[in-house]
Amino acid sequence: MLISELAARTGVSARALRHYEERGVLVPGRDPNGYRVYSESDVVRVLQIKTMIDAGLPTSTVRRYFHCVRVGEHGMTLEMCPALRAEVDGIAARLDEQREALEARRERLGALASDG
């Protein structure tokens, strides 16, 4: 299938698919004309990549740990080797810090609004 069909089947834009290729997380075949050609297994791979990115993992992490992805009856999971666990914990800690900073801003904004 061509990139437009893969984009339609996965809900991921052709631009994002090209970005995945540039980052080394998706490696399409090429037909004799040089067009990207994708297989059925690429549909699953793109959905896995999208799930990992939507969870907050950057493409560099997806590339390093894609071999840890497991798909089973209950969806996709990651086999948590120590290095991946450290990265996931780091992302979670940064999200906690960002949430706390947003809550503090909200409180300051509320204080400004109630001063009037």
C-alpha atoms as a PDB file:
ATOM      1  CA  MET A   1       0.000   0.000   0.000  1.00  0.00           C
ATOM      2  CA  LEU A   2       1.097   3.575  -0.583  1.00  0.00           C
ATOM      3  CA  ILE A   3       1.593   6.240   2.057  1.00  0.00           C
ATOM      4  CA  SER A   4      -1.849   7.787   1.502  1.00  0.00           C
ATOM      5  CA  GLU A   5      -3.542   4.446   2.157  1.00  0.00           C
ATOM      6  CA  LEU A   6      -1.472   3.811   5.279  1.00  0.00           C
ATOM      7  CA  ALA A   7      -2.349   7.304   6.504  1.00  0.00           C
ATOM      8  CA  ALA A   8      -6.058   6.655   5.924  1.00  0.00           C
ATOM      9  CA  ARG A   9      -5.974   3.256   7.634  1.00  0.00           C
ATOM     10  CA  THR A  10      -4.089   4.458  10.713  1.00  0.00           C
ATOM     11  CA  GLY A  11      -5.369   8.009  11.136  1.00  0.00           C
ATOM     12  CA  VAL A  12      -1.765   9.244  11.048  1.00  0.00           C
ATOM     13  CA  SER A  13      -0.925  11.949   8.519  1.00  0.00           C
ATOM     14  CA  ALA A  14       1.433  11.248   5.638  1.00  0.00           C
ATOM     15  CA  ARG A  15       3.664  13.967   7.073  1.00  0.00           C
ATOM     16  CA  ALA A  16       3.854  12.128  10.403  1.00  0.00           C
ATOM     17  CA  LEU A  17       4.619   8.860   8.581  1.00  0.00           C
ATOM     18  CA  ARG A  18       7.506  10.545   6.765  1.00  0.00           C
ATOM     19  CA  HIS A  19       8.690  11.906  10.134  1.00  0.00           C
ATOM     20  CA  TYR A  20       8.599   8.378  11.591  1.00  0.00           C
ATOM     21  CA  GLU A  21      10.729   7.265   8.656  1.00  0.00           C
ATOM     22  CA  GLU A  22      13.199  10.135   9.163  1.00  0.00           C
ATOM     23  CA  ARG A  23      13.493   9.198  12.847  1.00  0.00           C
ATOM     24  CA  GLY A  24      14.095   5.529  12.001  1.00  0.00           C
ATOM     25  CA  VAL A  25      10.988   4.072  13.647  1.00  0.00           C
ATOM     26  CA  LEU A  26       9.267   3.130  10.387  1.00  0.00           C
ATOM     27  CA  VAL A  27      11.153   1.671   7.442  1.00  0.00           C
ATOM     28  CA  PRO A  28       9.037   1.320   4.301  1.00  0.00           C
ATOM     29  CA  GLY A  29       9.958  -0.675   1.271  1.00  0.00           C
ATOM     30  CA  ARG A  30      10.342   1.023  -2.100  1.00  0.00           C
ATOM     31  CA  ASP A  31       8.821   0.073  -5.420  1.00  0.00           C
ATOM     32  CA  PRO A  32      10.793   0.380  -8.687  1.00  0.00           C
ATOM     33  CA  ASN A  33       9.562   3.978  -9.096  1.00  0.00           C
ATOM     34  CA  GLY A  34      10.896   4.902  -5.670  1.00  0.00           C
ATOM     35  CA  TYR A  35       7.489   5.221  -4.009  1.00  0.00           C
ATOM     36  CA  ARG A  36       7.196   4.110  -0.407  1.00  0.00           C
ATOM     37  CA  VAL A  37       5.417   0.781  -0.114  1.00  0.00           C
ATOM     38  CA  TYR A  38       3.934  -0.446   3.159  1.00  0.00           C
ATOM     39  CA  SER A  39       2.745  -3.865   4.261  1.00  0.00           C
ATOM     40  CA  GLU A  40      -0.051  -4.962   6.576  1.00  0.00           C
ATOM     41  CA  SER A  41       2.483  -5.279   9.389  1.00  0.00           C
ATOM     42  CA  ASP A  42       3.265  -1.570   8.969  1.00  0.00           C
ATOM     43  CA  VAL A  43      -0.352  -0.753   9.878  1.00  0.00           C
ATOM     44  CA  VAL A  44       0.154  -2.444  13.256  1.00  0.00           C
ATOM     45  CA  ARG A  45       3.582  -0.856  13.698  1.00  0.00           C
ATOM     46  CA  VAL A  46       2.250   2.651  13.004  1.00  0.00           C
ATOM     47  CA  LEU A  47      -0.558   2.151  15.508  1.00  0.00           C
ATOM     48  CA  GLN A  48       2.006   0.995  18.084  1.00  0.00           C
ATOM     49  CA  ILE A  49       4.248   3.980  17.358  1.00  0.00           C
ATOM     50  CA  LYS A  50       1.266   6.332  17.634  1.00  0.00           C
ATOM     51  CA  THR A  51       0.246   4.805  20.973  1.00  0.00           C
ATOM     52  CA  MET A  52       3.754   5.232  22.368  1.00  0.00           C
ATOM     53  CA  ILE A  53       4.006   8.835  21.147  1.00  0.00           C
ATOM     54  CA  ASP A  54       0.531   9.644  22.492  1.00  0.00           C
ATOM     55  CA  ALA A  55       1.717   8.315  25.862  1.00  0.00           C
ATOM     56  CA  GLY A  56       4.499  10.897  25.851  1.00  0.00           C
ATOM     57  CA  LEU A  57       7.454   8.893  24.563  1.00  0.00           C
ATOM     58  CA  PRO A  58       9.626  10.769  22.071  1.00  0.00           C
ATOM     59  CA  THR A  59      10.504   9.053  18.793  1.00  0.00           C
ATOM     60  CA  SER A  60      14.080   8.546  19.994  1.00  0.00           C
ATOM     61  CA  THR A  61      12.757   6.430  22.871  1.00  0.00           C
ATOM     62  CA  VAL A  62      10.308   4.627  20.579  1.00  0.00           C
ATOM     63  CA  ARG A  63      13.218   3.715  18.294  1.00  0.00           C
ATOM     64  CA  ARG A  64      15.387   2.433  21.160  1.00  0.00           C
ATOM     65  CA  TYR A  65      12.688   0.391  22.865  1.00  0.00           C
ATOM     66  CA  PHE A  66      10.314  -0.685  20.109  1.00  0.00           C
ATOM     67  CA  HIS A  67      11.559  -4.252  20.590  1.00  0.00           C
ATOM     68  CA  CYS A  68       9.913  -4.138  24.042  1.00  0.00           C
ATOM     69  CA  VAL A  69       6.400  -3.694  22.604  1.00  0.00           C
ATOM     70  CA  ARG A  70       4.040  -6.590  23.198  1.00  0.00           C
ATOM     71  CA  VAL A  71       0.547  -6.857  21.754  1.00  0.00           C
ATOM     72  CA  GLY A  72      -1.910  -9.141  23.467  1.00  0.00           C
ATOM     73  CA  GLU A  73      -5.592  -9.609  24.200  1.00  0.00           C
ATOM     74  CA  HIS A  74      -5.709  -6.468  26.323  1.00  0.00           C
ATOM     75  CA  GLY A  75      -3.929  -4.133  23.937  1.00  0.00           C
ATOM     76  CA  MET A  76      -0.375  -2.948  23.777  1.00  0.00           C
ATOM     77  CA  THR A  77       2.094  -3.110  26.638  1.00  0.00           C
ATOM     78  CA  LEU A  78       5.797  -2.482  27.053  1.00  0.00           C
ATOM     79  CA  GLU A  79       8.157  -5.008  28.545  1.00  0.00           C
ATOM     80  CA  MET A  80       9.849  -2.796  31.097  1.00  0.00           C
ATOM     81  CA  CYS A  81      13.588  -3.305  31.023  1.00  0.00           C
ATOM     82  CA  PRO A  82      15.427  -1.131  33.606  1.00  0.00           C
ATOM     83  CA  ALA A  83      16.534   1.524  31.119  1.00  0.00           C
ATOM     84  CA  LEU A  84      13.024   1.930  29.697  1.00  0.00           C
ATOM     85  CA  ARG A  85      11.562   2.016  33.224  1.00  0.00           C
ATOM     86  CA  ALA A  86      13.952   4.876  34.056  1.00  0.00           C
ATOM     87  CA  GLU A  87      12.871   6.839  30.957  1.00  0.00           C
ATOM     88  CA  VAL A  88       9.164   6.276  31.638  1.00  0.00           C
ATOM     89  CA  ASP A  89       9.630   7.285  35.287  1.00  0.00           C
ATOM     90  CA  GLY A  90      11.501  10.405  34.164  1.00  0.00           C
ATOM     91  CA  ILE A  91       8.692  11.401  31.816  1.00  0.00           C
ATOM     92  CA  ALA A  92       6.130  10.803  34.569  1.00  0.00           C
ATOM     93  CA  ALA A  93       8.151  12.955  36.989  1.00  0.00           C
ATOM     94  CA  ARG A  94       8.352  15.791  34.448  1.00  0.00           C
ATOM     95  CA  LEU A  95       4.584  15.576  33.915  1.00  0.00           C
ATOM     96  CA  ASP A  96       4.041  15.784  37.683  1.00  0.00           C
ATOM     97  CA  GLU A  97       6.252  18.889  37.829  1.00  0.00           C
ATOM     98  CA  GLN A  98       4.354  20.481  34.949  1.00  0.00           C
ATOM     99  CA  ARG A  99       1.010  19.711  36.607  1.00  0.00           C
ATOM    100  CA  GLU A 100       2.172  21.280  39.869  1.00  0.00           C
ATOM    101  CA  ALA A 101       3.386  24.377  38.021  1.00  0.00           C
ATOM    102  CA  LEU A 102       0.022  24.672  36.240  1.00  0.00           C
ATOM    103  CA  GLU A 103      -1.873  24.310  39.511  1.00  0.00           C
ATOM    104  CA  ALA A 104       0.265  27.063  41.048  1.00  0.00           C
ATOM    105  CA  ARG A 105      -0.452  29.317  38.070  1.00  0.00           C
ATOM    106  CA  ARG A 106      -4.160  28.603  38.372  1.00  0.00           C
ATOM    107  CA  GLU A 107      -4.060  29.587  42.039  1.00  0.00           C
ATOM    108  CA  ARG A 108      -2.213  32.826  41.224  1.00  0.00           C
ATOM    109  CA  LEU A 109      -4.709  33.572  38.467  1.00  0.00           C
ATOM    110  CA  GLY A 110      -7.601  32.919  40.862  1.00  0.00           C
ATOM    111  CA  ALA A 111      -6.015  35.248  43.406  1.00  0.00           C
ATOM    112  CA  LEU A 112      -5.720  37.990  40.766  1.00  0.00           C
ATOM    113  CA  ALA A 113      -9.335  37.535  39.722  1.00  0.00           C
ATOM    114  CA  SER A 114     -10.636  37.725  43.293  1.00  0.00           C
ATOM    115  CA  ASP A 115      -8.683  40.890  44.152  1.00  0.00           C
ATOM    116  CA  GLY A 116     -11.043  43.014  42.045  1.00  0.00           C
END
